[in-house]
Amino acid sequence: MHQYVTHNHYYPTQKQFADAVLRFFRETLPNEWQTFRDQVSDNFRVVNHDKFRVLG
C-alpha cells in the first residue's frame, strides 16, 4: 500500500488520503493480486502464547 498510496504522494485533505487508501484496497489490490501475491515472502514464523515473552 505504501508504494501505491503514500510513497511520494501528497494529499491536501484527510478525505483525499482516506479515499486513496480505500481505492487501493477496493480496486488496486484485487486487480493486481497476482503481482502482490508474488512479492510476499513465505518466510513466516508462528508465535504461540506458550513461547511468547517480553525481553527488557
N, C-alpha and C. Protein backbone atom coordinates (compact mmCIF):
# COMPACT_ATOMS: atom_id res chain seq x y z
N MET A 1 0.83 -1.18 0.00
CA MET A 1 0.00 0.00 0.00
C MET A 1 0.88 1.25 0.00
N HIS A 2 1.93 1.22 0.77
CA HIS A 2 2.81 2.40 0.83
C HIS A 2 3.30 2.80 -0.56
N GLN A 3 3.72 1.83 -1.34
CA GLN A 3 4.24 2.11 -2.68
C GLN A 3 3.18 2.77 -3.56
N TYR A 4 1.94 2.37 -3.43
CA TYR A 4 0.88 2.86 -4.31
C TYR A 4 0.15 4.09 -3.77
N VAL A 5 0.12 4.25 -2.47
CA VAL A 5 -0.72 5.31 -1.90
C VAL A 5 0.09 6.45 -1.29
N THR A 6 1.11 6.14 -0.49
CA THR A 6 1.77 7.21 0.25
C THR A 6 3.16 7.58 -0.25
N HIS A 7 3.84 6.70 -0.96
CA HIS A 7 5.20 6.99 -1.38
C HIS A 7 5.22 8.13 -2.40
N ASN A 8 5.84 9.23 -2.02
CA ASN A 8 5.96 10.43 -2.86
C ASN A 8 4.62 10.99 -3.31
N HIS A 9 3.61 10.84 -2.47
CA HIS A 9 2.30 11.42 -2.76
C HIS A 9 1.90 12.35 -1.63
N TYR A 10 1.28 13.46 -2.00
CA TYR A 10 0.78 14.42 -1.02
C TYR A 10 -0.72 14.52 -1.21
N TYR A 11 -1.46 14.43 -0.12
CA TYR A 11 -2.91 14.57 -0.15
C TYR A 11 -3.26 15.79 0.69
N PRO A 12 -3.84 16.80 0.07
CA PRO A 12 -4.13 18.04 0.79
C PRO A 12 -5.15 17.87 1.92
N THR A 13 -6.02 16.87 1.81
CA THR A 13 -7.02 16.67 2.87
C THR A 13 -7.01 15.23 3.34
N GLN A 14 -7.51 15.03 4.54
CA GLN A 14 -7.61 13.69 5.10
C GLN A 14 -8.56 12.85 4.27
N LYS A 15 -9.61 13.45 3.75
CA LYS A 15 -10.58 12.72 2.94
C LYS A 15 -9.93 12.19 1.66
N GLN A 16 -9.10 12.98 1.01
CA GLN A 16 -8.41 12.52 -0.20
C GLN A 16 -7.47 11.36 0.12
N PHE A 17 -6.80 11.44 1.26
CA PHE A 17 -5.92 10.35 1.67
C PHE A 17 -6.74 9.08 1.95
N ALA A 18 -7.83 9.22 2.70
CA ALA A 18 -8.68 8.07 3.01
C ALA A 18 -9.26 7.46 1.74
N ASP A 19 -9.67 8.30 0.80
CA ASP A 19 -10.19 7.80 -0.48
C ASP A 19 -9.13 7.01 -1.24
N ALA A 20 -7.89 7.49 -1.21
CA ALA A 20 -6.81 6.78 -1.90
C ALA A 20 -6.53 5.43 -1.25
N VAL A 21 -6.57 5.36 0.07
CA VAL A 21 -6.36 4.10 0.77
C VAL A 21 -7.48 3.13 0.43
N LEU A 22 -8.72 3.60 0.50
CA LEU A 22 -9.86 2.72 0.18
C LEU A 22 -9.83 2.26 -1.27
N ARG A 23 -9.45 3.14 -2.17
CA ARG A 23 -9.35 2.78 -3.58
C ARG A 23 -8.30 1.69 -3.78
N PHE A 24 -7.20 1.80 -3.04
CA PHE A 24 -6.17 0.77 -3.14
C PHE A 24 -6.75 -0.60 -2.74
N PHE A 25 -7.44 -0.67 -1.60
CA PHE A 25 -7.96 -1.94 -1.12
C PHE A 25 -9.14 -2.45 -1.95
N ARG A 26 -9.94 -1.55 -2.50
CA ARG A 26 -11.12 -1.97 -3.25
C ARG A 26 -10.83 -2.24 -4.72
N GLU A 27 -9.87 -1.53 -5.30
CA GLU A 27 -9.63 -1.64 -6.74
C GLU A 27 -8.23 -2.18 -7.09
N THR A 28 -7.21 -1.49 -6.61
CA THR A 28 -5.85 -1.85 -7.00
C THR A 28 -5.47 -3.24 -6.52
N LEU A 29 -5.70 -3.53 -5.26
CA LEU A 29 -5.32 -4.83 -4.72
C LEU A 29 -6.02 -5.99 -5.43
N PRO A 30 -7.33 -5.96 -5.62
CA PRO A 30 -7.95 -7.07 -6.36
C PRO A 30 -7.46 -7.18 -7.81
N ASN A 31 -7.27 -6.05 -8.47
CA ASN A 31 -6.84 -6.08 -9.88
C ASN A 31 -5.40 -6.52 -10.05
N GLU A 32 -4.55 -6.25 -9.07
CA GLU A 32 -3.13 -6.56 -9.15
C GLU A 32 -2.74 -7.68 -8.20
N TRP A 33 -3.71 -8.50 -7.78
CA TRP A 33 -3.47 -9.51 -6.77
C TRP A 33 -2.31 -10.44 -7.11
N GLN A 34 -2.20 -10.91 -8.33
CA GLN A 34 -1.12 -11.84 -8.69
C GLN A 34 0.25 -11.20 -8.51
N THR A 35 0.37 -9.93 -8.84
CA THR A 35 1.64 -9.23 -8.66
C THR A 35 1.99 -9.11 -7.19
N PHE A 36 1.01 -8.71 -6.38
CA PHE A 36 1.25 -8.58 -4.94
C PHE A 36 1.54 -9.93 -4.31
N ARG A 37 0.81 -10.94 -4.71
CA ARG A 37 0.98 -12.29 -4.16
C ARG A 37 2.40 -12.78 -4.39
N ASP A 38 2.96 -12.51 -5.54
CA ASP A 38 4.30 -12.98 -5.85
C ASP A 38 5.39 -12.22 -5.10
N GLN A 39 5.07 -11.06 -4.54
CA GLN A 39 6.06 -10.26 -3.81
C GLN A 39 6.12 -10.62 -2.33
N VAL A 40 5.16 -11.37 -1.82
CA VAL A 40 5.12 -11.71 -0.40
C VAL A 40 5.99 -12.92 -0.14
N SER A 41 6.80 -12.81 0.88
CA SER A 41 7.69 -13.91 1.25
C SER A 41 6.91 -15.00 1.98
N ASP A 42 7.32 -16.23 1.79
CA ASP A 42 6.72 -17.35 2.50
C ASP A 42 7.45 -17.63 3.81
N ASN A 43 8.36 -16.77 4.20
CA ASN A 43 9.17 -16.98 5.39
C ASN A 43 8.48 -16.35 6.61
N PHE A 44 7.53 -17.09 7.19
CA PHE A 44 6.80 -16.62 8.36
C PHE A 44 7.15 -17.48 9.55
N ARG A 45 7.15 -16.89 10.72
CA ARG A 45 7.32 -17.65 11.95
C ARG A 45 6.03 -17.58 12.74
N VAL A 46 5.62 -18.71 13.26
CA VAL A 46 4.42 -18.76 14.08
C VAL A 46 4.81 -18.51 15.52
N VAL A 47 4.17 -17.53 16.15
CA VAL A 47 4.43 -17.22 17.55
C VAL A 47 3.20 -17.65 18.33
N ASN A 48 3.39 -18.61 19.23
CA ASN A 48 2.25 -19.02 20.05
C ASN A 48 2.42 -18.50 21.47
N HIS A 49 1.37 -18.57 22.23
CA HIS A 49 1.34 -17.98 23.57
C HIS A 49 2.35 -18.65 24.51
N ASP A 50 2.59 -19.94 24.35
CA ASP A 50 3.50 -20.65 25.24
C ASP A 50 4.94 -20.16 25.12
N LYS A 51 5.36 -19.76 23.93
CA LYS A 51 6.75 -19.35 23.73
C LYS A 51 6.91 -17.84 23.68
N PHE A 52 5.85 -17.09 23.89
CA PHE A 52 5.90 -15.63 23.80
C PHE A 52 6.43 -15.06 25.11
N ARG A 53 7.42 -14.16 25.02
CA ARG A 53 7.92 -13.47 26.20
C ARG A 53 8.45 -12.12 25.81
N VAL A 54 8.43 -11.21 26.73
CA VAL A 54 8.90 -9.85 26.51
C VAL A 54 10.27 -9.72 27.12
N LEU A 55 11.23 -9.28 26.34
CA LEU A 55 12.58 -9.07 26.85
C LEU A 55 12.74 -7.61 27.23
N GLY A 56 13.41 -7.36 28.31
CA GLY A 56 13.60 -5.96 28.62
C GLY A 56 14.20 -5.66 29.92
